[in-house]
Amino acid sequence: MIIPIRCFSCGKPVAHLWEEYCKRVKEGEERKKVLDDLGLERYCCRALFLGHVDLIDIAARFRKF
């Protein structure tokens, strides 16, 4: 749903990098270069970003009665 605050495996804080990552990828920059520039070197943190699907906008449309 939303990006985790920390990496599940190593515990490195990653949530503050998500918006910058999304912005740069939408502008057409290569994902590998963006991850390198943001300082995500461990494969667990990189996998967290590459495998994340942002569904918060879809889930926010529904509300519980």
PDB file of N, CA and C in Angstrom:
ATOM      1  N   MET A   1       0.827  -1.191   0.000  1.00  0.00           N
ATOM      2  CA  MET A   1       0.000   0.000   0.000  1.00  0.00           C
ATOM      3  C   MET A   1       0.873   1.258   0.000  1.00  0.00           C
ATOM      4  N   ILE A   2       1.559   1.512   1.115  1.00  0.00           N
ATOM      5  CA  ILE A   2       2.464   2.658   1.165  1.00  0.00           C
ATOM      6  C   ILE A   2       3.863   2.137   1.457  1.00  0.00           C
ATOM      7  N   ILE A   3       4.847   2.887   1.076  1.00  0.00           N
ATOM      8  CA  ILE A   3       6.232   2.448   1.230  1.00  0.00           C
ATOM      9  C   ILE A   3       6.555   2.299   2.721  1.00  0.00           C
ATOM     10  N   PRO A   4       7.219   1.213   3.102  1.00  0.00           N
ATOM     11  CA  PRO A   4       7.586   1.034   4.508  1.00  0.00           C
ATOM     12  C   PRO A   4       8.599   2.097   4.956  1.00  0.00           C
ATOM     13  N   ILE A   5       8.595   2.412   6.238  1.00  0.00           N
ATOM     14  CA  ILE A   5       9.525   3.395   6.790  1.00  0.00           C
ATOM     15  C   ILE A   5      10.959   2.888   6.682  1.00  0.00           C
ATOM     16  N   ARG A   6      11.153   1.624   7.002  1.00  0.00           N
ATOM     17  CA  ARG A   6      12.482   1.017   6.964  1.00  0.00           C
ATOM     18  C   ARG A   6      12.473  -0.221   6.072  1.00  0.00           C
ATOM     19  N   CYS A   7      13.647  -0.569   5.586  1.00  0.00           N
ATOM     20  CA  CYS A   7      13.806  -1.792   4.806  1.00  0.00           C
ATOM     21  C   CYS A   7      13.495  -2.989   5.709  1.00  0.00           C
ATOM     22  N   PHE A   8      12.774  -3.961   5.171  1.00  0.00           N
ATOM     23  CA  PHE A   8      12.398  -5.126   5.963  1.00  0.00           C
ATOM     24  C   PHE A   8      13.612  -5.955   6.393  1.00  0.00           C
ATOM     25  N   SER A   9      14.630  -6.021   5.560  1.00  0.00           N
ATOM     26  CA  SER A   9      15.772  -6.885   5.834  1.00  0.00           C
ATOM     27  C   SER A   9      16.854  -6.234   6.678  1.00  0.00           C
ATOM     28  N   CYS A  10      17.294  -5.056   6.280  1.00  0.00           N
ATOM     29  CA  CYS A  10      18.447  -4.454   6.952  1.00  0.00           C
ATOM     30  C   CYS A  10      18.079  -3.337   7.929  1.00  0.00           C
ATOM     31  N   GLY A  11      16.871  -2.786   7.823  1.00  0.00           N
ATOM     32  CA  GLY A  11      16.441  -1.752   8.746  1.00  0.00           C
ATOM     33  C   GLY A  11      16.836  -0.333   8.370  1.00  0.00           C
ATOM     34  N   LYS A  12      17.386  -0.143   7.190  1.00  0.00           N
ATOM     35  CA  LYS A  12      17.781   1.199   6.751  1.00  0.00           C
ATOM     36  C   LYS A  12      16.535   2.041   6.458  1.00  0.00           C
ATOM     37  N   PRO A  13      16.474   3.281   6.928  1.00  0.00           N
ATOM     38  CA  PRO A  13      15.329   4.153   6.617  1.00  0.00           C
ATOM     39  C   PRO A  13      15.285   4.461   5.114  1.00  0.00           C
ATOM     40  N   VAL A  14      14.127   4.198   4.492  1.00  0.00           N
ATOM     41  CA  VAL A  14      14.015   4.389   3.044  1.00  0.00           C
ATOM     42  C   VAL A  14      12.805   5.217   2.636  1.00  0.00           C
ATOM     43  N   ALA A  15      11.847   5.443   3.509  1.00  0.00           N
ATOM     44  CA  ALA A  15      10.592   6.104   3.129  1.00  0.00           C
ATOM     45  C   ALA A  15      10.801   7.527   2.631  1.00  0.00           C
ATOM     46  N   HIS A  16      11.781   8.214   3.167  1.00  0.00           N
ATOM     47  CA  HIS A  16      12.009   9.606   2.760  1.00  0.00           C
ATOM     48  C   HIS A  16      12.541   9.717   1.335  1.00  0.00           C
ATOM     49  N   LEU A  17      12.966   8.623   0.746  1.00  0.00           N
ATOM     50  CA  LEU A  17      13.506   8.622  -0.609  1.00  0.00           C
ATOM     51  C   LEU A  17      12.454   8.306  -1.673  1.00  0.00           C
ATOM     52  N   TRP A  18      11.285   7.841  -1.266  1.00  0.00           N
ATOM     53  CA  TRP A  18      10.279   7.351  -2.206  1.00  0.00           C
ATOM     54  C   TRP A  18       9.778   8.426  -3.167  1.00  0.00           C
ATOM     55  N   GLU A  19       9.437   9.595  -2.679  1.00  0.00           N
ATOM     56  CA  GLU A  19       8.893  10.652  -3.549  1.00  0.00           C
ATOM     57  C   GLU A  19       9.914  11.107  -4.586  1.00  0.00           C
ATOM     58  N   GLU A  20      11.162  11.252  -4.167  1.00  0.00           N
ATOM     59  CA  GLU A  20      12.228  11.635  -5.101  1.00  0.00           C
ATOM     60  C   GLU A  20      12.401  10.563  -6.172  1.00  0.00           C
ATOM     61  N   TYR A  21      12.362   9.302  -5.767  1.00  0.00           N
ATOM     62  CA  TYR A  21      12.492   8.187  -6.697  1.00  0.00           C
ATOM     63  C   TYR A  21      11.365   8.216  -7.731  1.00  0.00           C
ATOM     64  N   CYS A  22      10.134   8.353  -7.273  1.00  0.00           N
ATOM     65  CA  CYS A  22       8.982   8.380  -8.187  1.00  0.00           C
ATOM     66  C   CYS A  22       9.065   9.545  -9.158  1.00  0.00           C
ATOM     67  N   LYS A  23       9.422  10.716  -8.646  1.00  0.00           N
ATOM     68  CA  LYS A  23       9.507  11.909  -9.491  1.00  0.00           C
ATOM     69  C   LYS A  23      10.540  11.729 -10.600  1.00  0.00           C
ATOM     70  N   ARG A  24      11.698  11.228 -10.235  1.00  0.00           N
ATOM     71  CA  ARG A  24      12.765  11.084 -11.224  1.00  0.00           C
ATOM     72  C   ARG A  24      12.480   9.991 -12.242  1.00  0.00           C
ATOM     73  N   VAL A  25      11.836   8.910 -11.816  1.00  0.00           N
ATOM     74  CA  VAL A  25      11.487   7.838 -12.751  1.00  0.00           C
ATOM     75  C   VAL A  25      10.415   8.317 -13.728  1.00  0.00           C
ATOM     76  N   LYS A  26       9.442   9.091 -13.248  1.00  0.00           N
ATOM     77  CA  LYS A  26       8.400   9.621 -14.136  1.00  0.00           C
ATOM     78  C   LYS A  26       8.967  10.592 -15.149  1.00  0.00           C
ATOM     79  N   GLU A  27      10.060  11.266 -14.799  1.00  0.00           N
ATOM     80  CA  GLU A  27      10.708  12.190 -15.735  1.00  0.00           C
ATOM     81  C   GLU A  27      11.512  11.448 -16.795  1.00  0.00           C
ATOM     82  N   GLY A  28      11.632  10.121 -16.659  1.00  0.00           N
ATOM     83  CA  GLY A  28      12.288   9.318 -17.675  1.00  0.00           C
ATOM     84  C   GLY A  28      13.701   8.883 -17.345  1.00  0.00           C
ATOM     85  N   GLU A  29      14.133   9.126 -16.137  1.00  0.00           N
ATOM     86  CA  GLU A  29      15.480   8.728 -15.741  1.00  0.00           C
ATOM     87  C   GLU A  29      15.529   7.216 -15.508  1.00  0.00           C
ATOM     88  N   GLU A  30      16.667   6.625 -15.760  1.00  0.00           N
ATOM     89  CA  GLU A  30      16.838   5.185 -15.589  1.00  0.00           C
ATOM     90  C   GLU A  30      16.775   4.815 -14.102  1.00  0.00           C
ATOM     91  N   ARG A  31      16.024   3.746 -13.789  1.00  0.00           N
ATOM     92  CA  ARG A  31      15.818   3.337 -12.386  1.00  0.00           C
ATOM     93  C   ARG A  31      17.130   3.028 -11.678  1.00  0.00           C
ATOM     94  N   LYS A  32      18.037   2.355 -12.356  1.00  0.00           N
ATOM     95  CA  LYS A  32      19.315   2.002 -11.738  1.00  0.00           C
ATOM     96  C   LYS A  32      20.095   3.243 -11.319  1.00  0.00           C
ATOM     97  N   LYS A  33      20.119   4.226 -12.188  1.00  0.00           N
ATOM     98  CA  LYS A  33      20.847   5.454 -11.890  1.00  0.00           C
ATOM     99  C   LYS A  33      20.214   6.198 -10.714  1.00  0.00           C
ATOM    100  N   VAL A  34      18.881   6.228 -10.671  1.00  0.00           N
ATOM    101  CA  VAL A  34      18.185   6.904  -9.576  1.00  0.00           C
ATOM    102  C   VAL A  34      18.494   6.220  -8.249  1.00  0.00           C
ATOM    103  N   LEU A  35      18.434   4.898  -8.227  1.00  0.00           N
ATOM    104  CA  LEU A  35      18.723   4.160  -6.994  1.00  0.00           C
ATOM    105  C   LEU A  35      20.160   4.381  -6.543  1.00  0.00           C
ATOM    106  N   ASP A  36      21.088   4.424  -7.485  1.00  0.00           N
ATOM    107  CA  ASP A  36      22.486   4.689  -7.148  1.00  0.00           C
ATOM    108  C   ASP A  36      22.654   6.096  -6.571  1.00  0.00           C
ATOM    109  N   ASP A  37      22.022   7.079  -7.196  1.00  0.00           N
ATOM    110  CA  ASP A  37      22.125   8.464  -6.732  1.00  0.00           C
ATOM    111  C   ASP A  37      21.509   8.662  -5.346  1.00  0.00           C
ATOM    112  N   LEU A  38      20.444   7.921  -5.052  1.00  0.00           N
ATOM    113  CA  LEU A  38      19.786   8.036  -3.754  1.00  0.00           C
ATOM    114  C   LEU A  38      20.535   7.299  -2.641  1.00  0.00           C
ATOM    115  N   GLY A  39      21.541   6.529  -3.009  1.00  0.00           N
ATOM    116  CA  GLY A  39      22.352   5.838  -2.004  1.00  0.00           C
ATOM    117  C   GLY A  39      21.827   4.475  -1.610  1.00  0.00           C
ATOM    118  N   LEU A  40      20.955   3.902  -2.413  1.00  0.00           N
ATOM    119  CA  LEU A  40      20.447   2.562  -2.126  1.00  0.00           C
ATOM    120  C   LEU A  40      21.361   1.542  -2.795  1.00  0.00           C
ATOM    121  N   GLU A  41      22.299   1.012  -2.021  1.00  0.00           N
ATOM    122  CA  GLU A  41      23.297   0.105  -2.571  1.00  0.00           C
ATOM    123  C   GLU A  41      22.987  -1.355  -2.264  1.00  0.00           C
ATOM    124  N   ARG A  42      22.326  -1.606  -1.163  1.00  0.00           N
ATOM    125  CA  ARG A  42      22.025  -2.994  -0.788  1.00  0.00           C
ATOM    126  C   ARG A  42      20.892  -3.533  -1.653  1.00  0.00           C
ATOM    127  N   TYR A  43      20.997  -4.806  -2.006  1.00  0.00           N
ATOM    128  CA  TYR A  43      19.989  -5.396  -2.878  1.00  0.00           C
ATOM    129  C   TYR A  43      18.627  -5.485  -2.216  1.00  0.00           C
ATOM    130  N   CYS A  44      18.575  -5.572  -0.887  1.00  0.00           N
ATOM    131  CA  CYS A  44      17.277  -5.658  -0.210  1.00  0.00           C
ATOM    132  C   CYS A  44      16.526  -4.337  -0.314  1.00  0.00           C
ATOM    133  N   CYS A  45      17.214  -3.225  -0.173  1.00  0.00           N
ATOM    134  CA  CYS A  45      16.578  -1.911  -0.288  1.00  0.00           C
ATOM    135  C   CYS A  45      16.157  -1.636  -1.731  1.00  0.00           C
ATOM    136  N   ARG A  46      16.994  -2.032  -2.668  1.00  0.00           N
ATOM    137  CA  ARG A  46      16.674  -1.833  -4.080  1.00  0.00           C
ATOM    138  C   ARG A  46      15.454  -2.656  -4.471  1.00  0.00           C
ATOM    139  N   ALA A  47      15.378  -3.887  -3.975  1.00  0.00           N
ATOM    140  CA  ALA A  47      14.236  -4.752  -4.278  1.00  0.00           C
ATOM    141  C   ALA A  47      12.954  -4.194  -3.685  1.00  0.00           C
ATOM    142  N   LEU A  48      13.060  -3.572  -2.526  1.00  0.00           N
ATOM    143  CA  LEU A  48      11.895  -2.951  -1.896  1.00  0.00           C
ATOM    144  C   LEU A  48      11.325  -1.858  -2.800  1.00  0.00           C
ATOM    145  N   PHE A  49      12.175  -1.043  -3.383  1.00  0.00           N
ATOM    146  CA  PHE A  49      11.733   0.034  -4.264  1.00  0.00           C
ATOM    147  C   PHE A  49      11.233  -0.506  -5.602  1.00  0.00           C
ATOM    148  N   LEU A  50      11.949  -1.452  -6.173  1.00  0.00           N
ATOM    149  CA  LEU A  50      11.574  -1.956  -7.492  1.00  0.00           C
ATOM    150  C   LEU A  50      10.315  -2.811  -7.447  1.00  0.00           C
ATOM    151  N   GLY A  51      10.061  -3.456  -6.327  1.00  0.00           N
ATOM    152  CA  GLY A  51       8.896  -4.334  -6.220  1.00  0.00           C
ATOM    153  C   GLY A  51       7.672  -3.687  -5.631  1.00  0.00           C
ATOM    154  N   HIS A  52       7.787  -2.448  -5.195  1.00  0.00           N
ATOM    155  CA  HIS A  52       6.659  -1.781  -4.545  1.00  0.00           C
ATOM    156  C   HIS A  52       5.653  -1.271  -5.569  1.00  0.00           C
ATOM    157  N   VAL A  53       4.369  -1.522  -5.303  1.00  0.00           N
ATOM    158  CA  VAL A  53       3.288  -1.011  -6.135  1.00  0.00           C
ATOM    159  C   VAL A  53       2.496  -0.048  -5.269  1.00  0.00           C
ATOM    160  N   ASP A  54       2.399   1.191  -5.705  1.00  0.00           N
ATOM    161  CA  ASP A  54       1.741   2.224  -4.912  1.00  0.00           C
ATOM    162  C   ASP A  54       0.229   2.158  -5.120  1.00  0.00           C
ATOM    163  N   LEU A  55      -0.484   1.564  -4.171  1.00  0.00           N
ATOM    164  CA  LEU A  55      -1.921   1.371  -4.281  1.00  0.00           C
ATOM    165  C   LEU A  55      -2.723   2.270  -3.346  1.00  0.00           C
ATOM    166  N   ILE A  56      -2.083   3.207  -2.683  1.00  0.00           N
ATOM    167  CA  ILE A  56      -2.774   4.019  -1.695  1.00  0.00           C
ATOM    168  C   ILE A  56      -3.894   4.855  -2.322  1.00  0.00           C
ATOM    169  N   ASP A  57      -3.716   5.336  -3.535  1.00  0.00           N
ATOM    170  CA  ASP A  57      -4.761   6.130  -4.186  1.00  0.00           C
ATOM    171  C   ASP A  57      -5.985   5.279  -4.502  1.00  0.00           C
ATOM    172  N   ILE A  58      -5.773   4.050  -4.885  1.00  0.00           N
ATOM    173  CA  ILE A  58      -6.889   3.148  -5.183  1.00  0.00           C
ATOM    174  C   ILE A  58      -7.622   2.770  -3.903  1.00  0.00           C
ATOM    175  N   ALA A  59      -6.889   2.445  -2.862  1.00  0.00           N
ATOM    176  CA  ALA A  59      -7.506   2.054  -1.595  1.00  0.00           C
ATOM    177  C   ALA A  59      -8.215   3.218  -0.919  1.00  0.00           C
ATOM    178  N   ALA A  60      -7.766   4.425  -1.148  1.00  0.00           N
ATOM    179  CA  ALA A  60      -8.360   5.599  -0.512  1.00  0.00           C
ATOM    180  C   ALA A  60      -9.753   5.906  -1.062  1.00  0.00           C
ATOM    181  N   ARG A  61     -10.078   5.397  -2.244  1.00  0.00           N
ATOM    182  CA  ARG A  61     -11.391   5.637  -2.820  1.00  0.00           C
ATOM    183  C   ARG A  61     -12.506   4.917  -2.056  1.00  0.00           C
ATOM    184  N   PHE A  62     -12.152   3.828  -1.397  1.00  0.00           N
ATOM    185  CA  PHE A  62     -13.146   3.032  -0.685  1.00  0.00           C
ATOM    186  C   PHE A  62     -13.156   3.442   0.781  1.00  0.00           C
ATOM    187  N   ARG A  63     -14.307   3.446   1.354  1.00  0.00           N
ATOM    188  CA  ARG A  63     -14.369   3.765   2.770  1.00  0.00           C
ATOM    189  C   ARG A  63     -15.256   2.740   3.468  1.00  0.00           C
ATOM    190  N   LYS A  64     -14.978   2.522   4.703  1.00  0.00           N
ATOM    191  CA  LYS A  64     -15.697   1.541   5.491  1.00  0.00           C
ATOM    192  C   LYS A  64     -16.951   2.186   6.069  1.00  0.00           C
ATOM    193  N   PHE A  65     -18.084   1.524   5.950  1.00  0.00           N
ATOM    194  CA  PHE A  65     -19.337   2.059   6.486  1.00  0.00           C
ATOM    195  C   PHE A  65     -19.604   1.568   7.876  1.00  0.00           C
TER     196      PHE A  65
END
